[in-house]
Protein backbone atom coordinates (compact mmCIF):
# COMPACT_ATOMS: atom_id res chain seq x y z
CA ARG A 1 -125.75 -19.59 -181.07
CA TYR A 2 -128.69 -20.64 -183.20
CA ILE A 3 -129.50 -18.76 -186.38
CA GLY A 4 -132.61 -18.52 -188.52
CA ASP A 5 -133.14 -19.75 -192.05
CA ASP A 6 -132.50 -16.30 -193.55
CA GLU A 7 -129.24 -16.03 -191.63
CA LEU A 8 -128.10 -19.47 -192.75
CA THR A 9 -128.87 -18.67 -196.40
CA ALA A 10 -126.99 -15.36 -196.04
CA PHE A 11 -124.01 -17.20 -194.48
CA LEU A 12 -123.95 -19.61 -197.43
CA HIS A 13 -124.15 -16.73 -199.92
CA ASN A 14 -121.29 -14.94 -198.15
CA MET A 15 -119.11 -18.04 -198.51
CA GLY A 16 -119.85 -18.20 -202.24
CA ASP A 17 -122.77 -20.65 -202.34
CA HIS A 18 -125.46 -18.79 -204.29
CA VAL A 19 -127.43 -21.98 -204.98
CA THR A 20 -128.26 -23.46 -201.57
CA ARG A 21 -131.15 -21.96 -199.67
CA LEU A 22 -133.05 -22.81 -196.52
CA ASP A 23 -136.56 -21.40 -196.29
CA ARG A 24 -138.18 -23.64 -193.67
CA TRP A 25 -137.24 -25.93 -190.80
CA GLU A 26 -138.08 -29.55 -190.05
CA PRO A 27 -140.52 -31.09 -190.75
CA GLU A 28 -141.91 -28.66 -193.35
CA LEU A 29 -138.74 -28.63 -195.45
CA ASN A 30 -139.21 -32.36 -196.09
CA GLU A 31 -142.26 -31.86 -198.32
CA ALA A 32 -140.15 -32.18 -201.49
CA ILE A 33 -142.82 -30.66 -203.73
CA PRO A 34 -141.83 -31.02 -207.40
CA ASN A 35 -140.48 -27.77 -208.93
CA ASP A 36 -140.54 -25.99 -205.54
CA GLU A 37 -137.40 -23.86 -205.22
CA ARG A 38 -137.64 -23.60 -201.42
CA ASP A 39 -135.09 -25.49 -199.34
CA THR A 40 -132.97 -26.52 -202.31
CA THR A 41 -129.39 -26.98 -203.40
CA MET A 42 -127.45 -28.74 -206.14
CA PRO A 43 -124.84 -31.47 -205.61
CA ALA A 44 -121.91 -29.38 -206.89
CA ALA A 45 -122.88 -26.45 -204.65
CA MET A 46 -123.24 -28.65 -201.57
CA ALA A 47 -119.96 -30.46 -202.27
CA THR A 48 -118.11 -27.15 -202.61
CA THR A 49 -119.75 -25.74 -199.49
CA LEU A 50 -118.95 -28.81 -197.41
CA ARG A 51 -115.35 -28.81 -198.63
CA LYS A 52 -114.99 -25.14 -197.63
CA LEU A 53 -116.46 -25.85 -194.20
CA LEU A 54 -114.20 -28.85 -193.57
CA THR A 55 -110.94 -27.58 -195.07
CA GLY A 56 -111.17 -23.82 -195.37
CA GLU A 57 -110.77 -20.95 -192.97
CA LEU A 58 -114.49 -20.29 -192.50
CA LEU A 59 -114.57 -22.30 -189.29
CA THR A 60 -112.09 -22.55 -186.46
CA LEU A 61 -110.19 -25.80 -186.13
CA ALA A 62 -112.39 -26.71 -183.15
CA SER A 63 -115.56 -26.00 -185.15
CA ARG A 64 -114.32 -28.05 -188.12
CA GLN A 65 -113.59 -30.95 -185.77
CA GLN A 66 -117.03 -30.59 -184.17
CA LEU A 67 -118.67 -30.77 -187.62
CA ILE A 68 -116.68 -33.92 -188.50
CA ASP A 69 -117.55 -35.45 -185.11
CA TRP A 70 -121.28 -34.80 -185.65
CA MET A 71 -121.13 -36.26 -189.16
CA GLU A 72 -119.10 -39.27 -188.01
CA ALA A 73 -121.66 -39.97 -185.25
CA ASP A 74 -124.45 -40.09 -187.87
CA LYS A 75 -124.54 -43.75 -188.85
CA VAL A 76 -127.55 -43.73 -191.20
CA ALA A 77 -125.79 -43.19 -194.54
CA GLY A 78 -122.60 -45.04 -193.68
CA PRO A 79 -123.94 -48.46 -194.76
CA LEU A 80 -125.29 -46.94 -197.99
CA LEU A 81 -121.78 -45.91 -199.02
CA ARG A 82 -119.56 -48.25 -197.02
CA SER A 83 -120.29 -51.28 -199.23
CA ALA A 84 -118.64 -49.42 -202.11
CA LEU A 85 -115.56 -48.30 -200.16
CA PRO A 86 -112.26 -50.09 -199.70
CA ALA A 87 -111.82 -51.66 -196.25
CA GLY A 88 -110.67 -49.28 -193.55
CA TRP A 89 -111.79 -46.04 -195.18
CA PHE A 90 -113.00 -43.19 -192.98
CA ILE A 91 -116.57 -41.96 -193.49
CA ALA A 92 -118.45 -39.09 -191.86
CA ASP A 93 -121.88 -38.46 -193.28
CA LYS A 94 -125.24 -36.78 -192.92
CA SER A 95 -128.36 -37.96 -194.63
CA GLY A 96 -131.97 -37.00 -194.80
CA ALA A 97 -135.15 -38.35 -196.30
CA GLY A 98 -138.22 -36.46 -197.36
CA GLU A 99 -141.59 -37.05 -198.91
CA ARG A 100 -142.07 -38.42 -202.41
CA GLY A 101 -139.06 -40.71 -202.04
CA SER A 102 -136.52 -37.90 -201.82
CA ARG A 103 -133.20 -38.55 -200.12
CA GLY A 104 -129.96 -36.67 -199.65
CA ILE A 105 -126.59 -38.00 -198.57
CA ILE A 106 -123.46 -35.93 -198.01
CA ALA A 107 -120.25 -37.54 -196.84
CA ALA A 108 -116.59 -36.85 -196.25
CA LEU A 109 -114.53 -39.98 -196.78
CA GLY A 110 -111.06 -41.22 -197.50
CA PRO A 111 -108.24 -43.60 -196.62
CA ASP A 112 -106.03 -43.41 -193.53
CA GLY A 113 -108.79 -41.95 -191.34
CA LYS A 114 -108.75 -38.65 -193.21
CA PRO A 115 -111.58 -37.09 -195.23
CA SER A 116 -109.99 -36.57 -198.63
CA ARG A 117 -113.18 -36.70 -200.73
CA ILE A 118 -116.63 -35.16 -200.51
CA VAL A 119 -119.55 -37.17 -201.89
CA VAL A 120 -123.03 -35.73 -202.43
CA ILE A 121 -125.89 -37.88 -203.71
CA TYR A 122 -129.51 -36.82 -204.15
CA THR A 123 -132.30 -39.19 -205.13
CA ARG A 124 -136.00 -38.90 -205.77
CA GLY A 125 -138.80 -41.32 -206.44
CA GLU A 126 -139.58 -44.62 -204.84
CA VAL A 127 -136.70 -46.95 -204.17
CA LYS A 128 -137.78 -50.55 -204.76
CA LYS A 129 -135.55 -52.40 -202.34
CA LYS A 130 -135.94 -53.98 -198.92
CA LYS A 131 -137.16 -51.67 -196.17
CA THR A 132 -134.74 -50.34 -193.58
CA LYS A 133 -135.42 -49.54 -189.96
CA GLN A 134 -134.50 -45.87 -190.42
CA ASP A 135 -136.94 -44.68 -193.05
CA GLY A 136 -138.67 -47.59 -194.75
CA ARG A 137 -136.64 -47.26 -197.95
CA ALA A 138 -133.32 -48.95 -198.55
CA THR A 139 -130.63 -47.86 -200.93
CA PRO A 140 -127.78 -50.23 -200.15
CA GLY A 141 -124.76 -49.64 -202.29
CA ILE A 142 -126.07 -46.35 -203.65
CA GLY A 143 -122.49 -45.07 -203.71
CA ARG A 144 -121.27 -47.91 -205.90
CA PRO A 145 -121.77 -46.09 -209.25
CA TRP A 146 -119.38 -43.36 -208.06
CA LEU A 147 -117.08 -45.23 -205.72
CA GLY A 148 -116.97 -48.82 -206.87
CA PRO A 149 -116.36 -50.96 -209.93
CA LYS A 150 -119.98 -51.23 -211.07
CA LYS A 151 -121.05 -48.56 -213.55
CA SER A 152 -124.84 -48.96 -213.55
CA LEU A 153 -126.79 -45.96 -212.31
CA ALA A 154 -130.27 -46.31 -210.85
CA ARG A 155 -132.98 -44.27 -212.55
CA ASN A 156 -133.98 -42.55 -209.33
CA VAL A 157 -130.50 -41.13 -208.69
CA ILE A 158 -130.76 -37.60 -210.01
CA CYS A 159 -127.26 -36.45 -209.38
CA GLY A 160 -124.09 -37.34 -207.59
CA TRP A 161 -120.89 -35.42 -207.13
CA ILE A 162 -117.42 -36.29 -205.90
CA LEU A 163 -114.98 -33.54 -205.01
CA SER A 164 -111.41 -33.88 -203.78
CA CYS A 165 -110.50 -32.11 -200.56
CA ARG A 166 -106.92 -31.65 -201.69
């Protein structure tokens, strides 16, 4: 069953996420107008919500597996994070790009084929790297400040969040 934006926001509020809101659908929600509160969230809220969806009792086991399968099939953000992960780690992700250089990446990842961590990264502004086929902006290794040994943080990364699923 498909639901509307008001119903999705109400569902999120009922599960304890009072930050995330959906006001419009694609492609309008990709406008990314500065200081516009429509279609917004915060990394901590999204990380907590995703953890509840993947590990809690909000969804049936079959629905949780379907969500993981959909995220695992999305291969856009995998390379952006994979370069910072140890070999063999599992990653299931969903990413999106909007106007004004905005980008969002959410991922469940972990060793042994199990999602033991939730990563949420939001960026804004132009990314000055080589273009990619997907969206014209590349952010290779964007996960490295949170997942890898390098500690530098790009200026356009506005917030990142890592949450354990344990």
